[in-house]
Amino acid sequence: MVFKEVNRTRYIRQDILDKAAEAGFPKFGSGAHTKLMSELDAKNPALGYACVGDYKAHWVWLDKWLETVLQHCKNNAAKYQ
């Protein structure tokens, strides 16, 4: 028997930025997102952070990425608050 995850919550980049701002990190912007994404190789599907969206070349982010971003912001609170 094989189990496959389906219907996971998907976020566009702006959703991630909005969630970070709501959590008290308004200075975590698109540049910081791109830098963290590159550092963690977040578009690697094997890591489970993101997947290709419904449109060609558009990525959507998963809960695991949101949790990673929020933890990064907490670890660097002085920079993003």
C-alpha atoms as a PDB file:
ATOM      1  CA  MET A   1       0.000   0.000   0.000  1.00  0.00           C
ATOM      2  CA  VAL A   2       1.328   3.425  -0.954  1.00  0.00           C
ATOM      3  CA  PHE A   3       0.228   6.639   0.704  1.00  0.00           C
ATOM      4  CA  LYS A   4       0.360   9.883  -1.196  1.00  0.00           C
ATOM      5  CA  GLU A   5      -0.120  13.336   0.310  1.00  0.00           C
ATOM      6  CA  VAL A   6      -2.798  15.326  -1.442  1.00  0.00           C
ATOM      7  CA  ASN A   7      -4.504  18.684  -1.028  1.00  0.00           C
ATOM      8  CA  ARG A   8      -1.762  20.269   1.032  1.00  0.00           C
ATOM      9  CA  THR A   9      -2.092  23.975   1.720  1.00  0.00           C
ATOM     10  CA  ARG A  10      -0.228  25.950  -0.920  1.00  0.00           C
ATOM     11  CA  TYR A  11       1.023  29.492  -0.526  1.00  0.00           C
ATOM     12  CA  ILE A  12       2.308  31.983  -3.053  1.00  0.00           C
ATOM     13  CA  ARG A  13       5.315  34.076  -2.007  1.00  0.00           C
ATOM     14  CA  GLN A  14       3.129  37.016  -0.962  1.00  0.00           C
ATOM     15  CA  ASP A  15       1.195  34.722   1.394  1.00  0.00           C
ATOM     16  CA  ILE A  16       4.469  33.741   3.072  1.00  0.00           C
ATOM     17  CA  LEU A  17       5.483  37.391   3.420  1.00  0.00           C
ATOM     18  CA  ASP A  18       2.052  38.286   4.836  1.00  0.00           C
ATOM     19  CA  LYS A  19       2.220  35.446   7.387  1.00  0.00           C
ATOM     20  CA  ALA A  20       5.687  36.588   8.471  1.00  0.00           C
ATOM     21  CA  ALA A  21       4.413  40.156   8.904  1.00  0.00           C
ATOM     22  CA  GLU A  22       1.389  38.910  10.892  1.00  0.00           C
ATOM     23  CA  ALA A  23       3.786  36.996  13.153  1.00  0.00           C
ATOM     24  CA  GLY A  24       5.642  40.232  13.927  1.00  0.00           C
ATOM     25  CA  PHE A  25       8.328  40.232  11.250  1.00  0.00           C
ATOM     26  CA  PRO A  26       7.356  43.005   8.820  1.00  0.00           C
ATOM     27  CA  LYS A  27      10.929  43.463   7.591  1.00  0.00           C
ATOM     28  CA  PHE A  28      11.077  39.946   6.137  1.00  0.00           C
ATOM     29  CA  GLY A  29      10.542  40.928   2.518  1.00  0.00           C
ATOM     30  CA  SER A  30      10.887  39.425  -0.926  1.00  0.00           C
ATOM     31  CA  GLY A  31      14.665  39.862  -0.942  1.00  0.00           C
ATOM     32  CA  ALA A  32      15.040  37.993   2.341  1.00  0.00           C
ATOM     33  CA  HIS A  33      12.693  35.297   1.051  1.00  0.00           C
ATOM     34  CA  THR A  34      14.728  34.833  -2.117  1.00  0.00           C
ATOM     35  CA  LYS A  35      17.998  34.728  -0.173  1.00  0.00           C
ATOM     36  CA  LEU A  36      16.687  32.118   2.283  1.00  0.00           C
ATOM     37  CA  MET A  37      15.171  30.128  -0.574  1.00  0.00           C
ATOM     38  CA  SER A  38      18.556  30.021  -2.318  1.00  0.00           C
ATOM     39  CA  GLU A  39      20.515  29.200   0.837  1.00  0.00           C
ATOM     40  CA  LEU A  40      18.253  26.252   1.660  1.00  0.00           C
ATOM     41  CA  ASP A  41      17.750  25.057  -1.941  1.00  0.00           C
ATOM     42  CA  ALA A  42      14.048  25.361  -1.179  1.00  0.00           C
ATOM     43  CA  LYS A  43      12.889  24.642  -4.737  1.00  0.00           C
ATOM     44  CA  ASN A  44      14.361  21.151  -4.547  1.00  0.00           C
ATOM     45  CA  PRO A  45      11.190  18.998  -4.530  1.00  0.00           C
ATOM     46  CA  ALA A  46      12.902  16.325  -2.447  1.00  0.00           C
ATOM     47  CA  LEU A  47      13.038  18.740   0.511  1.00  0.00           C
ATOM     48  CA  GLY A  48       9.268  19.225   0.632  1.00  0.00           C
ATOM     49  CA  TYR A  49       9.291  23.014   0.860  1.00  0.00           C
ATOM     50  CA  ALA A  50       7.675  23.773  -2.490  1.00  0.00           C
ATOM     51  CA  CYS A  51       6.311  22.380  -5.705  1.00  0.00           C
ATOM     52  CA  VAL A  52       5.559  23.673  -9.158  1.00  0.00           C
ATOM     53  CA  GLY A  53       2.191  25.399  -9.169  1.00  0.00           C
ATOM     54  CA  ASP A  54      -0.626  25.184 -11.654  1.00  0.00           C
ATOM     55  CA  TYR A  55       1.095  27.568 -14.051  1.00  0.00           C
ATOM     56  CA  LYS A  56       4.371  26.930 -15.816  1.00  0.00           C
ATOM     57  CA  ALA A  57       7.411  28.230 -13.913  1.00  0.00           C
ATOM     58  CA  HIS A  58       5.341  29.325 -10.882  1.00  0.00           C
ATOM     59  CA  TRP A  59       6.177  27.777  -7.546  1.00  0.00           C
ATOM     60  CA  VAL A  60       3.925  27.378  -4.552  1.00  0.00           C
ATOM     61  CA  TRP A  61       5.175  26.992  -1.020  1.00  0.00           C
ATOM     62  CA  LEU A  62       4.014  24.378   1.478  1.00  0.00           C
ATOM     63  CA  ASP A  63       3.480  24.434   5.255  1.00  0.00           C
ATOM     64  CA  LYS A  64       6.996  23.101   5.845  1.00  0.00           C
ATOM     65  CA  TRP A  65       8.406  26.211   4.146  1.00  0.00           C
ATOM     66  CA  LEU A  66       6.167  28.553   6.123  1.00  0.00           C
ATOM     67  CA  GLU A  67       7.346  26.920   9.367  1.00  0.00           C
ATOM     68  CA  THR A  68      10.976  27.229   8.238  1.00  0.00           C
ATOM     69  CA  VAL A  69      10.550  30.902   7.356  1.00  0.00           C
ATOM     70  CA  LEU A  70       8.893  31.713  10.681  1.00  0.00           C
ATOM     71  CA  GLN A  71      11.633  29.889  12.595  1.00  0.00           C
ATOM     72  CA  HIS A  72      14.283  31.770  10.600  1.00  0.00           C
ATOM     73  CA  CYS A  73      12.558  35.047  11.484  1.00  0.00           C
ATOM     74  CA  LYS A  74      12.438  34.112  15.174  1.00  0.00           C
ATOM     75  CA  ASN A  75      16.138  33.208  15.091  1.00  0.00           C
ATOM     76  CA  ASN A  76      16.890  36.593  13.492  1.00  0.00           C
ATOM     77  CA  ALA A  77      14.216  38.680  15.186  1.00  0.00           C
ATOM     78  CA  ALA A  78      16.302  41.844  15.496  1.00  0.00           C
ATOM     79  CA  LYS A  79      16.757  41.898  11.736  1.00  0.00           C
ATOM     80  CA  TYR A  80      13.093  41.392  10.783  1.00  0.00           C
ATOM     81  CA  GLN A  81      11.033  43.116  13.516  1.00  0.00           C
END
